[in-house]
C-alpha atoms as a PDB file:
ATOM      1  CA  MET A   1    -160.424  57.093-311.580  1.00  0.00           C
ATOM      2  CA  ASP A   2    -157.191  56.086-310.778  1.00  0.00           C
ATOM      3  CA  LYS A   3    -154.059  56.211-308.343  1.00  0.00           C
ATOM      4  CA  LYS A   4    -152.140  60.023-310.885  1.00  0.00           C
ATOM      5  CA  SER A   5    -156.267  61.497-311.206  1.00  0.00           C
ATOM      6  CA  LYS A   6    -156.351  60.822-306.780  1.00  0.00           C
ATOM      7  CA  ILE A   7    -152.898  62.499-306.148  1.00  0.00           C
ATOM      8  CA  PHE A   8    -153.559  65.564-308.574  1.00  0.00           C
ATOM      9  CA  LEU A   9    -156.793  66.587-307.518  1.00  0.00           C
ATOM     10  CA  GLY A  10    -154.689  65.781-304.274  1.00  0.00           C
ATOM     11  CA  VAL A  11    -152.155  68.410-304.268  1.00  0.00           C
ATOM     12  CA  PHE A  12    -154.526  70.528-306.695  1.00  0.00           C
ATOM     13  CA  PHE A  13    -156.980  71.588-302.676  1.00  0.00           C
ATOM     14  CA  LEU A  14    -153.931  71.322-301.152  1.00  0.00           C
ATOM     15  CA  LEU A  15    -152.429  74.451-303.004  1.00  0.00           C
ATOM     16  CA  ILE A  16    -156.502  75.890-303.150  1.00  0.00           C
ATOM     17  CA  PHE A  17    -156.094  76.100-299.335  1.00  0.00           C
ATOM     18  CA  ALA A  18    -153.069  76.879-298.748  1.00  0.00           C
ATOM     19  CA  SER A  19    -154.171  79.786-300.936  1.00  0.00           C
ATOM     20  CA  ILE A  20    -156.442  81.315-298.533  1.00  0.00           C
ATOM     21  CA  GLY A  21    -155.145  80.232-296.171  1.00  0.00           C
ATOM     22  CA  ALA A  22    -152.326  82.772-296.848  1.00  0.00           C
ATOM     23  CA  THR A  23    -155.101  85.684-298.435  1.00  0.00           C
ATOM     24  CA  TYR A  24    -156.337  85.095-294.951  1.00  0.00           C
ATOM     25  CA  TYR A  25    -153.537  85.703-292.871  1.00  0.00           C
ATOM     26  CA  ARG A  26    -152.403  88.555-295.104  1.00  0.00           C
ATOM     27  CA  ILE A  27    -155.487  90.309-294.385  1.00  0.00           C
ATOM     28  CA  MET A  28    -157.020  90.122-291.290  1.00  0.00           C
ATOM     29  CA  VAL A  29    -153.502  89.827-289.887  1.00  0.00           C
ATOM     30  CA  LYS A  30    -151.356  91.961-290.526  1.00  0.00           C
ATOM     31  CA  ARG A  31    -154.624  94.381-291.757  1.00  0.00           C
ATOM     32  CA  ASP A  32    -154.020  94.587-286.815  1.00  0.00           C
ATOM     33  CA  TYR A  33    -150.586  96.075-287.458  1.00  0.00           C
ATOM     34  CA  VAL A  34    -151.302  98.786-290.774  1.00  0.00           C
ATOM     35  CA  ILE A  35    -154.105  99.783-287.850  1.00  0.00           C
ATOM     36  CA  GLU A  36    -152.314  99.915-285.162  1.00  0.00           C
ATOM     37  CA  ALA A  37    -149.166 101.884-286.903  1.00  0.00           C
ATOM     38  CA  GLN A  38    -151.846 104.370-288.574  1.00  0.00           C
ATOM     39  CA  ILE A  39    -153.023 105.025-285.024  1.00  0.00           C
ATOM     40  CA  ILE A  40    -148.859 105.427-283.680  1.00  0.00           C
ATOM     41  CA  LYS A  41    -148.963 107.887-286.234  1.00  0.00           C
ATOM     42  CA  PHE A  42    -152.324 110.323-285.483  1.00  0.00           C
ATOM     43  CA  SER A  43    -150.865 110.118-281.875  1.00  0.00           C
ATOM     44  CA  ASP A  44    -147.878 111.849-282.577  1.00  0.00           C
ATOM     45  CA  GLY A  45    -149.649 114.721-283.152  1.00  0.00           C
ATOM     46  CA  TRP A  46    -150.995 114.736-286.438  1.00  0.00           C
ATOM     47  CA  LEU A  47    -154.305 114.714-285.920  1.00  0.00           C
ATOM     48  CA  VAL A  48    -154.476 117.234-283.160  1.00  0.00           C
END
């Protein structure tokens, strides 16, 4: 494998891992804020 192929594969896998990390952040980290906002909304008296 020549040098250009190694660089291409390195960038390709780096982009894949960055995409997985961004998706994990969106689903697992930001989801907690949505749940917290729903609890606040229900505590305003909508659910009671």
